[in-house]
Amino acid sequence: MQSVTIGRYLWQRLRQLNVKYVFGVPGDFNLQLLEQIDEVEGIEFVGTCNELNAAYAADGYARTNGIAALLTTYGVGDLSALCGVAGSLAEHVPVVMISGVPPMFAIRNRLRVHHTMAEGDFDNVRNAVRQFTLTEARLTPSNASEEIDRALRYCWQERCPVYLQLPSNLSYLEISPSAEPLTRQYASYDKRQHQLIIGKLIGRLSQAKHPLLLVDMDAERSQMASQLQQLCDRYQIPYASFPTGKAILDESSPLWLGYYPDQANDTLNQYIAKADFILATAPCFIEGSSMVATQNLPAEQTVYLRGFDITFEQQTFEGICAPVLLNQLLEQTIECQFEIPVNDVRKEPLAKQEGALCQDKLWEQLRHYFKAGDLILGENGSANVALQTVPFPKDCHYLSQPIWGSIGYTLPALLGSMIAQPNKRHWLFIGDGSLQMTAQELSNILQKGLKPIIVMLNNCGYTIERYIMGKTAAYNDIPQWDYQMLLRALAPNIDFNYQEVTTHEQLKTVLDSLDETKASFIELKLEPMDAPERLKRFGPGVAQFDYGPRGPQNK
């Protein structure tokens, strides 16, 4: 078998998993890897403005492409990227983090090297990153083939980041590669366990009159979204979404009953009250999403399906693979007859919006401009809170970071997502405070010829924080920028659309005349305390949770 260098083998294996772009920042310990990437056809490097942005871009690429790769240099690069990698772990996003590290003789002899603490310890960075990845390895000629394949399979199957260190003087050494190509194969599962569970699911569905599917974000991460949609469409099973499971299933279908929980949704609440079988897929238990909501679900009627296990009546069955299980269930014929609630999903004509911009009317106006197949990103804060309950057209995809919640995430994630799916129309909704965190990446977005529609909510600071604490406090203010001049500075030779909007009439004119042959940046001027109603309720609840009854919010 023909030998291959370690670096080339790494790039080849990533390319076999359909990774076409690697995000990162050059550094002296990874330059040899950048030289080797040109040896592999179909994969290229995308340099970002910093390592944090690279990690966010890789995360956005992985959510759209399925898996991504991130390249850093030892120490300063690794730790700069770590916040973004931690977000990928929290939200189950498969990212392969590759670090070019000092030469092996320096590690072995504990030499004092730059980008380190200068004390000869080469395990401290490795130990730090280890806390936020599922597995890690330092590659050597004796382990490279096995460890690369193990880590990449683990990343894909477990849907979480992994970490590989490659000493700079080893990547050109040759190894014997595996003869089998690396594929996106499902994880192993117990066949008898699947047969048992399928029998239970068929039994519950055939006896039910009022079944319901509740979907959360990990249903998509666990690769079962398409099977769930097929199951609901075939048997006319109504479904609803946790806010953190937005747009995973078709929100334009009459089977979709809305978001759960929602006290104002009588159709959904009445149906849940009589539901005799509830399948909750991969619920994400945090205080801001479904943890509280699921406490109100009837225990005997609710089954929890996750990527690798399923719980019936508080008994958990391990050793499954959820997408395979659902595929096998779809091969069966289920005799059932359900009483389906009537749900009117027609989009009412947009009432005339007038006057100064306000969020009470803003999101209803915006949603009438979304089209089937759009990819919409909602930054943490006002945008994500509002968009979580705005129904989308068919085949829209929603990208946000509700669990880790790092502000500034969506702008570099937009870069990654657009590189993965350049033919999709991308919308980004982001606040001014978040945009200032990662604004440099606008240069890459514009100069690469990408054409997103960026809608920035300029309310002079951190509105979500104002509703938690410090409504008029200076610490929630941010400097004001000239965003049109910023775009010119970041992309001096690129033609783009910039519009500053203060009224609903102006917004209508801008949206009616969007030129999609150029990138668009729409700056919405809003009052500092203008916010979606959900955020106005959310803020005080967070303050009570964080600070308790004697907290400063009760002064």
Protein backbone atom coordinates (compact mmCIF):
# COMPACT_ATOMS: atom_id res chain seq x y z
CA MET A 1 0.00 0.00 0.00
CA GLN A 2 1.37 3.42 -0.95
CA SER A 3 2.42 5.55 2.02
CA VAL A 4 1.18 9.09 2.58
CA THR A 5 2.25 11.97 4.81
CA ILE A 6 0.35 12.55 8.05
CA GLY A 7 -0.79 16.02 6.97
CA ARG A 8 -2.05 14.89 3.61
CA TYR A 9 -3.83 11.92 5.17
CA LEU A 10 -5.65 14.24 7.57
CA TRP A 11 -6.87 16.48 4.75
CA GLN A 12 -7.86 13.49 2.62
CA ARG A 13 -9.97 11.98 5.41
CA LEU A 14 -11.73 15.28 6.03
CA ARG A 15 -12.45 15.63 2.32
CA GLN A 16 -13.98 12.14 2.31
CA LEU A 17 -16.44 13.42 4.95
CA ASN A 18 -17.38 16.25 2.53
CA VAL A 19 -15.41 18.96 4.30
CA LYS A 20 -14.53 21.36 1.47
CA TYR A 21 -13.40 24.36 3.52
CA VAL A 22 -11.22 24.66 6.62
CA PHE A 23 -11.52 27.83 8.71
CA GLY A 24 -8.69 29.28 10.75
CA VAL A 25 -5.73 31.62 11.15
CA PRO A 26 -2.16 30.90 9.97
CA GLY A 27 0.50 30.48 12.63
CA ASP A 28 4.07 29.25 12.57
CA PHE A 29 3.17 25.83 14.02
CA ASN A 30 0.46 25.14 11.40
CA LEU A 31 1.99 26.58 8.23
CA GLN A 32 3.26 23.18 7.16
CA LEU A 33 -0.36 21.92 7.24
CA LEU A 34 -1.46 24.86 5.09
CA GLU A 35 1.23 23.94 2.56
CA GLN A 36 -0.10 20.37 2.49
CA ILE A 37 -3.76 21.28 2.06
CA ASP A 38 -3.04 22.26 -1.55
CA GLU A 39 -2.02 18.64 -2.22
CA VAL A 40 -5.62 17.45 -1.77
CA GLU A 41 -8.15 18.33 -4.45
CA GLY A 42 -11.48 19.79 -3.36
CA ILE A 43 -10.51 21.20 0.04
CA GLU A 44 -9.23 24.71 0.74
CA PHE A 45 -8.42 27.06 3.61
CA VAL A 46 -10.55 30.07 4.56
CA GLY A 47 -8.63 32.55 6.66
CA THR A 48 -10.68 34.53 9.16
CA CYS A 49 -9.89 37.69 11.11
CA ASN A 50 -9.25 35.81 14.36
CA GLU A 51 -9.53 32.33 15.83
CA LEU A 52 -12.79 32.98 17.69
CA ASN A 53 -14.44 33.99 14.44
CA ALA A 54 -12.95 30.91 12.79
CA ALA A 55 -14.57 28.69 15.42
CA TYR A 56 -17.93 30.41 14.93
CA ALA A 57 -17.60 30.14 11.13
CA ALA A 58 -16.75 26.43 11.41
CA ASP A 59 -19.80 25.95 13.63
CA GLY A 60 -22.05 27.66 11.07
CA TYR A 61 -20.51 25.60 8.26
CA ALA A 62 -21.05 22.37 10.23
CA ARG A 63 -24.71 23.14 10.91
CA THR A 64 -25.29 23.60 7.18
CA ASN A 65 -22.81 21.08 5.74
CA GLY A 66 -22.96 18.42 8.46
CA ILE A 67 -19.35 18.60 9.74
CA ALA A 68 -16.55 21.19 9.70
CA ALA A 69 -12.85 21.68 10.41
CA LEU A 70 -11.02 24.44 12.28
CA LEU A 71 -7.25 25.08 12.13
CA THR A 72 -5.40 26.96 14.88
CA THR A 73 -1.83 27.35 16.09
CA TYR A 74 -0.74 26.20 19.52
CA GLY A 75 -1.60 28.12 22.68
CA VAL A 76 -2.76 31.56 21.61
CA GLY A 77 -4.79 30.20 18.71
CA ASP A 78 -6.28 27.27 20.61
CA LEU A 79 -7.43 29.34 23.55
CA SER A 80 -8.73 32.14 21.34
CA ALA A 81 -10.95 29.61 19.55
CA LEU A 82 -12.03 27.79 22.69
CA CYS A 83 -15.19 29.83 23.37
CA GLY A 84 -16.51 28.93 19.92
CA VAL A 85 -15.56 25.26 20.33
CA ALA A 86 -17.34 25.17 23.69
CA GLY A 87 -20.46 26.44 21.95
CA SER A 88 -20.20 23.59 19.45
CA LEU A 89 -19.98 21.12 22.32
CA ALA A 90 -22.95 22.66 24.16
CA GLU A 91 -25.10 22.53 21.03
CA HIS A 92 -23.83 19.19 19.64
CA VAL A 93 -22.19 20.51 16.47
CA PRO A 94 -19.48 18.32 14.85
CA VAL A 95 -16.29 20.38 14.43
CA VAL A 96 -12.79 18.91 14.05
CA MET A 97 -10.35 21.27 15.80
CA ILE A 98 -6.81 20.84 14.45
CA SER A 99 -3.88 22.52 16.17
CA GLY A 100 -0.38 22.82 14.78
CA VAL A 101 1.82 22.45 17.88
CA PRO A 102 5.55 22.86 18.56
CA PRO A 103 7.91 20.20 17.19
CA MET A 104 7.98 16.87 18.99
CA PHE A 105 11.52 17.29 20.29
CA ALA A 106 10.46 20.54 21.99
CA ILE A 107 7.54 18.79 23.66
CA ARG A 108 9.60 15.77 24.67
CA ASN A 109 12.46 17.87 26.10
CA ARG A 110 10.16 20.43 27.72
CA LEU A 111 11.81 23.35 25.93
CA ARG A 112 10.75 26.92 26.60
CA VAL A 113 8.87 27.98 23.47
CA HIS A 114 6.82 31.03 22.43
CA HIS A 115 3.00 30.75 22.59
CA THR A 116 3.44 28.83 25.87
CA MET A 117 3.89 29.68 29.56
CA ALA A 118 7.66 29.28 28.96
CA GLU A 119 7.98 26.58 31.58
CA GLY A 120 8.08 23.48 29.39
CA ASP A 121 4.53 22.31 30.07
CA PHE A 122 2.83 21.23 26.84
CA ASP A 123 -0.16 19.60 28.48
CA ASN A 124 -1.89 22.67 29.96
CA VAL A 125 -3.45 23.82 26.67
CA ARG A 126 -4.29 20.25 25.78
CA ASN A 127 -5.99 19.78 29.14
CA ALA A 128 -7.94 23.03 28.72
CA VAL A 129 -9.29 22.09 25.30
CA ARG A 130 -9.97 18.53 26.46
CA GLN A 131 -12.73 19.88 28.74
CA PHE A 132 -14.68 21.13 25.71
CA THR A 133 -14.22 18.30 23.21
CA LEU A 134 -15.39 14.71 23.24
CA THR A 135 -12.00 13.23 22.46
CA GLU A 136 -8.49 14.41 21.66
CA ALA A 137 -5.15 13.06 20.49
CA ARG A 138 -1.59 14.19 19.83
CA LEU A 139 -0.67 12.66 16.49
CA THR A 140 2.57 10.76 15.94
CA PRO A 141 3.75 8.48 13.11
CA SER A 142 2.81 5.45 15.19
CA ASN A 143 -0.78 6.50 15.93
CA ALA A 144 -1.78 9.02 13.24
CA SER A 145 -3.80 6.75 10.94
CA GLU A 146 -5.81 5.17 13.76
CA GLU A 147 -6.29 8.36 15.78
CA ILE A 148 -7.35 10.51 12.84
CA ASP A 149 -9.98 7.98 11.79
CA ARG A 150 -11.17 7.40 15.35
CA ALA A 151 -11.55 11.11 16.10
CA LEU A 152 -13.29 11.92 12.82
CA ARG A 153 -15.75 9.04 13.16
CA TYR A 154 -16.43 10.05 16.76
CA CYS A 155 -17.00 13.68 15.73
CA TRP A 156 -19.50 12.69 13.05
CA GLN A 157 -21.38 10.02 14.97
CA GLU A 158 -21.51 11.78 18.34
CA ARG A 159 -22.19 15.21 16.79
CA CYS A 160 -19.65 17.03 18.97
CA PRO A 161 -16.19 18.63 18.52
CA VAL A 162 -12.91 16.71 18.71
CA TYR A 163 -9.32 17.98 19.06
CA LEU A 164 -6.20 16.86 17.20
CA GLN A 165 -2.68 18.17 17.85
CA LEU A 166 -0.05 17.67 15.14
CA PRO A 167 3.57 18.56 15.99
CA SER A 168 5.01 20.79 13.28
CA ASN A 169 7.96 18.53 12.45
CA LEU A 170 5.85 15.38 12.00
CA SER A 171 3.25 16.29 9.38
CA TYR A 172 5.63 15.46 6.48
CA LEU A 173 6.48 12.02 7.82
CA GLU A 174 4.89 9.13 5.96
CA ILE A 175 2.49 6.52 7.34
CA SER A 176 0.55 3.56 5.99
CA PRO A 177 -3.02 4.79 5.39
CA SER A 178 -6.22 2.88 5.91
CA ALA A 179 -7.46 1.29 2.69
CA GLU A 180 -11.13 1.93 3.48
CA PRO A 181 -12.59 5.37 2.70
CA LEU A 182 -14.06 7.35 5.57
CA THR A 183 -17.84 7.76 5.22
CA ARG A 184 -20.65 9.45 7.12
CA GLN A 185 -21.93 6.21 8.57
CA TYR A 186 -24.39 5.91 11.44
CA ALA A 187 -23.24 4.71 14.84
CA SER A 188 -23.57 1.03 15.75
CA TYR A 189 -26.78 -0.12 17.44
CA ASP A 190 -28.35 -3.24 18.95
CA LYS A 191 -30.69 -4.85 16.41
CA ARG A 192 -32.78 -6.70 19.01
CA GLN A 193 -33.20 -3.46 20.94
CA HIS A 194 -34.49 -1.79 17.78
CA GLN A 195 -37.01 -4.58 17.20
CA LEU A 196 -38.29 -4.25 20.76
CA ILE A 197 -38.63 -0.47 20.55
CA ILE A 198 -40.29 -0.50 17.12
CA GLY A 199 -42.86 -2.92 18.49
CA LYS A 200 -43.52 -0.58 21.41
CA LEU A 201 -43.84 2.48 19.16
CA ILE A 202 -46.20 0.72 16.75
CA GLY A 203 -48.30 -0.43 19.70
CA ARG A 204 -48.54 3.05 21.15
CA LEU A 205 -49.34 4.68 17.80
CA SER A 206 -51.94 2.09 16.80
CA GLN A 207 -53.81 2.58 20.08
CA ALA A 208 -53.60 6.37 20.13
CA LYS A 209 -56.34 8.74 19.05
CA HIS A 210 -54.52 11.98 19.84
CA PRO A 211 -50.77 11.53 19.25
CA LEU A 212 -48.38 14.49 19.26
CA LEU A 213 -44.75 15.01 18.30
CA LEU A 214 -42.75 17.64 20.19
CA VAL A 215 -39.45 18.50 18.51
CA ASP A 216 -36.35 20.19 19.92
CA MET A 217 -32.96 21.21 18.48
CA ASP A 218 -31.17 17.87 18.91
CA ALA A 219 -33.65 16.18 16.59
CA GLU A 220 -31.76 17.93 13.81
CA ARG A 221 -28.32 17.27 15.31
CA SER A 222 -29.20 13.58 15.67
CA GLN A 223 -30.09 13.44 11.95
CA MET A 224 -33.72 12.47 12.41
CA ALA A 225 -35.53 15.57 11.15
CA SER A 226 -36.42 14.23 7.69
CA GLN A 227 -37.67 10.92 9.11
CA LEU A 228 -39.82 12.72 11.68
CA GLN A 229 -41.38 14.88 8.95
CA GLN A 230 -42.09 11.79 6.84
CA LEU A 231 -43.67 10.02 9.83
CA CYS A 232 -45.95 12.97 10.59
CA ASP A 233 -46.92 13.49 6.95
CA ARG A 234 -47.64 9.80 6.32
CA TYR A 235 -49.84 9.23 9.36
CA GLN A 236 -51.06 12.82 9.80
CA ILE A 237 -49.55 13.16 13.27
CA PRO A 238 -49.79 16.73 14.63
CA TYR A 239 -46.56 18.26 15.88
CA ALA A 240 -45.30 21.28 17.79
CA SER A 241 -41.87 22.77 18.42
CA PHE A 242 -40.04 23.86 21.51
CA PRO A 243 -38.67 27.37 20.80
CA THR A 244 -35.19 25.84 20.65
CA GLY A 245 -36.44 23.41 17.99
CA LYS A 246 -37.49 26.12 15.58
CA ALA A 247 -37.95 25.34 11.86
CA ILE A 248 -36.70 21.76 12.17
CA LEU A 249 -40.08 20.60 10.86
CA ASP A 250 -42.33 22.37 8.35
CA GLU A 251 -44.04 25.34 10.04
CA SER A 252 -46.31 25.94 7.05
CA SER A 253 -48.09 22.57 7.41
CA PRO A 254 -51.61 22.32 8.92
CA LEU A 255 -50.15 19.56 11.13
CA TRP A 256 -47.93 22.10 12.87
CA LEU A 257 -49.67 23.38 15.99
CA GLY A 258 -47.16 26.06 17.03
CA TYR A 259 -44.56 26.50 19.75
CA TYR A 260 -44.68 24.84 23.14
CA PRO A 261 -45.23 26.18 25.74
CA ASP A 262 -47.60 28.96 24.70
CA GLN A 263 -50.44 29.86 27.06
CA ALA A 264 -52.21 31.79 24.30
CA ASN A 265 -52.28 28.85 21.85
CA ASP A 266 -55.67 27.31 22.62
CA THR A 267 -55.48 24.77 19.77
CA LEU A 268 -52.19 23.34 21.01
CA ASN A 269 -53.03 23.43 24.71
CA GLN A 270 -56.40 21.74 24.26
CA TYR A 271 -54.81 19.04 22.13
CA ILE A 272 -52.01 18.41 24.66
CA ALA A 273 -54.61 18.09 27.41
CA LYS A 274 -56.16 15.09 25.66
CA ALA A 275 -53.01 13.69 24.02
CA ASP A 276 -52.65 9.96 24.69
CA PHE A 277 -49.18 9.56 23.13
CA ILE A 278 -46.52 12.29 23.08
CA LEU A 279 -43.18 11.67 21.40
CA ALA A 280 -40.66 14.29 22.52
CA THR A 281 -37.55 14.10 20.36
CA ALA A 282 -34.21 14.98 21.91
CA PRO A 283 -35.47 17.68 24.28
CA CYS A 284 -32.77 20.10 25.38
CA PHE A 285 -33.09 20.61 29.12
CA ILE A 286 -32.01 24.10 30.16
CA GLU A 287 -33.83 26.70 32.21
CA GLY A 288 -34.55 28.83 29.15
CA SER A 289 -36.00 26.16 26.86
CA SER A 290 -37.80 22.90 27.52
CA MET A 291 -36.69 22.01 31.04
CA VAL A 292 -39.65 23.71 32.69
CA ALA A 293 -42.08 23.00 29.85
CA THR A 294 -41.64 19.24 29.92
CA GLN A 295 -42.47 19.10 33.61
CA ASN A 296 -46.10 19.69 32.62
CA LEU A 297 -46.24 16.76 30.19
CA PRO A 298 -48.06 13.61 31.36
CA ALA A 299 -45.37 11.10 32.34
CA GLU A 300 -47.24 7.94 31.26
CA GLN A 301 -48.13 9.31 27.83
CA THR A 302 -44.71 10.84 27.03
CA VAL A 303 -41.84 9.01 25.32
CA TYR A 304 -38.45 10.74 25.03
CA LEU A 305 -36.37 9.86 21.95
CA ARG A 306 -32.72 10.94 21.85
CA GLY A 307 -29.89 10.11 19.50
CA PHE A 308 -28.79 6.94 21.28
CA ASP A 309 -31.56 6.08 23.74
CA ILE A 310 -35.32 6.22 24.28
CA THR A 311 -37.36 6.43 27.48
CA PHE A 312 -40.77 4.78 27.93
CA GLU A 313 -42.50 5.39 31.28
CA GLN A 314 -39.21 6.31 32.99
CA GLN A 315 -37.44 3.18 31.68
CA THR A 316 -34.55 4.00 29.34
CA PHE A 317 -33.43 1.70 26.53
CA GLU A 318 -29.83 2.23 25.40
CA GLY A 319 -27.97 1.04 22.32
CA ILE A 320 -30.12 2.62 19.63
CA CYS A 321 -29.42 4.87 16.65
CA ALA A 322 -32.38 7.23 16.31
CA PRO A 323 -32.28 7.93 12.53
CA VAL A 324 -31.90 4.21 11.76
CA LEU A 325 -34.70 3.39 14.21
CA LEU A 326 -37.03 5.88 12.51
CA ASN A 327 -36.10 4.60 9.05
CA GLN A 328 -37.01 1.10 10.21
CA LEU A 329 -40.26 2.38 11.69
CA LEU A 330 -41.11 4.01 8.35
CA GLU A 331 -40.70 0.63 6.65
CA GLN A 332 -43.59 -0.71 8.76
CA THR A 333 -47.30 -0.30 8.15
CA ILE A 334 -49.17 1.10 11.15
CA GLU A 335 -52.93 0.74 11.39
CA CYS A 336 -54.10 3.96 13.01
CA GLN A 337 -56.83 6.55 12.86
CA PHE A 338 -56.23 9.84 14.59
CA GLU A 339 -58.53 12.71 15.46
CA ILE A 340 -56.58 15.63 14.03
CA PRO A 341 -57.20 19.17 15.29
CA VAL A 342 -58.14 21.79 12.75
CA ASN A 343 -55.31 24.29 12.43
CA ASP A 344 -55.49 27.29 10.11
CA VAL A 345 -51.97 28.07 8.88
CA ARG A 346 -52.94 30.67 6.31
CA LYS A 347 -50.78 33.78 6.48
CA GLU A 348 -53.04 36.75 6.99
CA PRO A 349 -52.48 39.72 4.69
CA LEU A 350 -50.09 42.20 6.24
CA ALA A 351 -51.88 45.17 7.75
CA LYS A 352 -50.49 48.54 6.80
CA GLN A 353 -47.59 49.39 9.10
CA GLU A 354 -46.99 53.06 9.81
CA GLY A 355 -44.94 55.31 12.04
CA ALA A 356 -41.65 54.95 13.85
CA LEU A 357 -40.16 51.45 13.95
CA CYS A 358 -41.21 49.37 16.92
CA GLN A 359 -40.83 45.67 17.59
CA ASP A 360 -44.50 45.15 18.32
CA LYS A 361 -45.04 45.43 14.55
CA LEU A 362 -41.56 44.80 13.17
CA TRP A 363 -41.39 41.00 13.13
CA GLU A 364 -44.84 40.53 11.60
CA GLN A 365 -43.79 42.90 8.84
CA LEU A 366 -40.47 41.13 8.24
CA ARG A 367 -41.86 37.60 8.11
CA HIS A 368 -43.94 38.40 5.04
CA TYR A 369 -40.68 38.77 3.11
CA PHE A 370 -39.30 35.32 3.96
CA LYS A 371 -39.42 32.77 1.14
CA ALA A 372 -39.40 28.98 1.05
CA GLY A 373 -35.85 27.70 1.35
CA ASP A 374 -34.42 30.76 3.09
CA LEU A 375 -31.75 30.28 5.74
CA ILE A 376 -32.35 32.66 8.64
CA LEU A 377 -29.90 33.43 11.44
CA GLY A 378 -31.09 34.98 14.69
CA GLU A 379 -28.51 36.47 17.05
CA ASN A 380 -28.97 36.08 20.79
CA GLY A 381 -31.03 38.89 22.23
CA SER A 382 -34.04 40.59 20.69
CA ALA A 383 -33.66 38.87 17.31
CA ASN A 384 -33.57 35.29 18.56
CA VAL A 385 -36.29 35.86 21.17
CA ALA A 386 -38.60 37.31 18.51
CA LEU A 387 -37.77 34.89 15.68
CA GLN A 388 -38.28 31.83 17.88
CA THR A 389 -42.03 32.38 17.58
CA VAL A 390 -42.28 33.70 14.00
CA PRO A 391 -43.56 30.92 11.69
CA PHE A 392 -41.37 30.32 8.64
CA PRO A 393 -42.29 29.16 5.12
CA LYS A 394 -41.63 25.60 3.98
CA ASP A 395 -38.03 24.37 3.84
CA CYS A 396 -36.62 27.34 5.74
CA HIS A 397 -33.71 26.63 8.04
CA TYR A 398 -33.01 28.52 11.28
CA LEU A 399 -29.55 28.96 12.76
CA SER A 400 -29.06 30.31 16.27
CA GLN A 401 -27.14 29.49 19.44
CA PRO A 402 -29.77 29.34 22.21
CA ILE A 403 -27.85 27.15 24.66
CA TRP A 404 -24.32 28.59 24.69
CA GLY A 405 -25.64 32.07 23.87
CA SER A 406 -22.37 33.79 22.95
CA ILE A 407 -23.16 37.18 21.46
CA GLY A 408 -21.49 37.91 18.15
CA TYR A 409 -21.73 34.25 17.12
CA THR A 410 -24.05 34.60 14.14
CA LEU A 411 -21.96 37.01 12.02
CA PRO A 412 -19.01 34.60 11.54
CA ALA A 413 -21.50 31.69 11.49
CA LEU A 414 -23.11 33.45 8.52
CA LEU A 415 -19.76 33.29 6.71
CA GLY A 416 -19.52 29.53 7.33
CA SER A 417 -23.12 28.84 6.41
CA MET A 418 -22.98 30.86 3.19
CA ILE A 419 -19.77 29.13 2.10
CA ALA A 420 -21.50 25.79 2.71
CA GLN A 421 -24.71 26.81 0.91
CA PRO A 422 -23.91 29.75 -1.39
CA ASN A 423 -27.10 29.31 -3.43
CA LYS A 424 -29.44 29.77 -0.47
CA ARG A 425 -30.72 33.21 0.43
CA HIS A 426 -29.38 34.08 3.88
CA TRP A 427 -30.90 36.55 6.33
CA LEU A 428 -29.01 37.66 9.45
CA PHE A 429 -30.82 39.49 12.26
CA ILE A 430 -28.33 40.88 14.77
CA GLY A 431 -28.14 43.62 17.40
CA ASP A 432 -25.58 46.41 17.35
CA GLY A 433 -23.88 45.12 20.51
CA SER A 434 -23.46 41.65 19.06
CA LEU A 435 -22.25 42.91 15.70
CA GLN A 436 -19.52 44.97 17.34
CA MET A 437 -18.14 41.77 18.91
CA THR A 438 -17.21 40.14 15.58
CA ALA A 439 -17.65 42.92 12.99
CA GLN A 440 -14.27 42.22 11.35
CA GLU A 441 -15.76 39.17 9.59
CA LEU A 442 -17.92 41.47 7.47
CA SER A 443 -14.73 41.96 5.43
CA ASN A 444 -14.57 38.27 4.53
CA ILE A 445 -18.31 38.09 3.81
CA LEU A 446 -18.24 41.07 1.46
CA GLN A 447 -14.88 40.49 -0.19
CA LYS A 448 -15.74 36.86 -1.00
CA GLY A 449 -18.72 38.11 -2.98
CA LEU A 450 -21.34 36.67 -0.64
CA LYS A 451 -24.74 38.38 -0.74
CA PRO A 452 -26.57 38.10 2.58
CA ILE A 453 -29.36 40.33 3.83
CA ILE A 454 -28.08 41.67 7.16
CA VAL A 455 -30.65 43.42 9.33
CA MET A 456 -29.04 45.16 12.31
CA LEU A 457 -31.18 46.31 15.23
CA ASN A 458 -29.50 49.48 16.48
CA ASN A 459 -30.91 50.27 19.91
CA CYS A 460 -27.74 51.82 21.32
CA GLY A 461 -26.68 48.95 23.53
CA TYR A 462 -27.65 45.68 25.18
CA THR A 463 -31.44 45.77 25.34
CA ILE A 464 -31.76 42.20 26.62
CA GLU A 465 -29.47 43.10 29.53
CA ARG A 466 -31.45 46.30 30.20
CA TYR A 467 -34.54 44.16 30.84
CA ILE A 468 -32.59 41.97 33.23
CA MET A 469 -30.83 44.77 35.11
CA GLY A 470 -29.77 48.37 34.61
CA LYS A 471 -32.38 49.87 32.29
CA THR A 472 -30.56 53.21 32.21
CA ALA A 473 -27.14 52.05 33.41
CA ALA A 474 -24.11 53.14 31.43
CA TYR A 475 -22.70 49.61 31.46
CA ASN A 476 -25.43 48.58 28.99
CA ASP A 477 -24.48 51.34 26.53
CA ILE A 478 -22.09 50.78 23.62
CA PRO A 479 -20.16 53.22 21.38
CA GLN A 480 -22.02 54.35 18.30
CA TRP A 481 -20.42 53.55 14.95
CA ASP A 482 -20.97 54.81 11.43
CA TYR A 483 -21.88 51.43 9.93
CA GLN A 484 -21.94 52.61 6.33
CA MET A 485 -18.38 53.88 6.70
CA LEU A 486 -17.44 50.65 8.49
CA LEU A 487 -18.59 48.60 5.51
CA ARG A 488 -16.62 50.87 3.18
CA ALA A 489 -13.49 50.43 5.31
CA LEU A 490 -13.85 46.64 5.47
CA ALA A 491 -14.63 46.20 1.76
CA PRO A 492 -13.44 49.30 -0.09
CA ASN A 493 -13.93 47.92 -3.60
CA ILE A 494 -17.19 46.03 -3.08
CA ASP A 495 -20.60 47.37 -4.11
CA PHE A 496 -23.29 46.75 -1.48
CA ASN A 497 -26.68 48.09 -0.43
CA TYR A 498 -26.81 50.11 2.79
CA GLN A 499 -30.06 51.54 4.15
CA GLU A 500 -30.80 53.33 7.42
CA VAL A 501 -34.45 52.84 8.39
CA THR A 502 -36.45 54.69 11.03
CA THR A 503 -40.09 54.03 10.02
CA HIS A 504 -42.20 51.10 8.91
CA GLU A 505 -42.98 52.87 5.63
CA GLN A 506 -39.25 53.14 4.89
CA LEU A 507 -38.74 49.48 5.76
CA LYS A 508 -41.46 48.44 3.32
CA THR A 509 -39.84 50.45 0.55
CA VAL A 510 -36.43 48.91 1.28
CA LEU A 511 -37.70 45.33 1.42
CA ASP A 512 -39.90 45.73 -1.66
CA SER A 513 -36.89 46.85 -3.69
CA LEU A 514 -34.18 44.49 -2.39
CA ASP A 515 -31.44 43.99 -4.98
CA GLU A 516 -30.29 40.42 -4.34
CA THR A 517 -27.33 40.78 -6.71
CA LYS A 518 -25.53 42.62 -3.90
CA ALA A 519 -25.08 42.18 -0.17
CA SER A 520 -27.59 44.27 1.81
CA PHE A 521 -27.06 45.92 5.19
CA ILE A 522 -30.24 47.39 6.70
CA GLU A 523 -29.75 49.39 9.88
CA LEU A 524 -32.96 49.67 11.91
CA LYS A 525 -33.00 52.61 14.32
CA LEU A 526 -34.90 51.60 17.47
CA GLU A 527 -35.42 53.07 20.91
CA PRO A 528 -33.12 51.53 23.60
CA MET A 529 -36.04 49.94 25.51
CA ASP A 530 -37.99 48.79 22.46
CA ALA A 531 -38.12 44.99 22.55
CA PRO A 532 -40.34 41.99 21.74
CA GLU A 533 -42.95 41.27 24.39
CA ARG A 534 -41.36 37.88 25.12
CA LEU A 535 -38.07 39.60 25.94
CA LYS A 536 -39.81 42.06 28.27
CA ARG A 537 -41.13 39.06 30.23
CA PHE A 538 -37.91 37.08 29.87
CA GLY A 539 -35.66 39.73 31.42
CA PRO A 540 -37.34 39.97 34.85
CA GLY A 541 -37.57 36.18 35.00
CA VAL A 542 -33.82 35.89 34.42
CA ALA A 543 -33.16 38.49 37.11
CA GLN A 544 -35.26 36.56 39.63
CA PHE A 545 -33.51 33.29 38.68
CA ASP A 546 -30.01 34.82 38.82
CA TYR A 547 -30.23 37.09 41.84
CA GLY A 548 -33.00 35.70 44.03
CA PRO A 549 -35.61 37.52 46.13
CA ARG A 550 -33.07 39.86 47.73
CA GLY A 551 -31.41 40.76 44.46
CA PRO A 552 -30.97 44.36 43.27
CA GLN A 553 -33.87 43.95 40.80
CA ASN A 554 -36.27 44.14 43.77
CA LYS A 555 -35.00 47.46 45.10
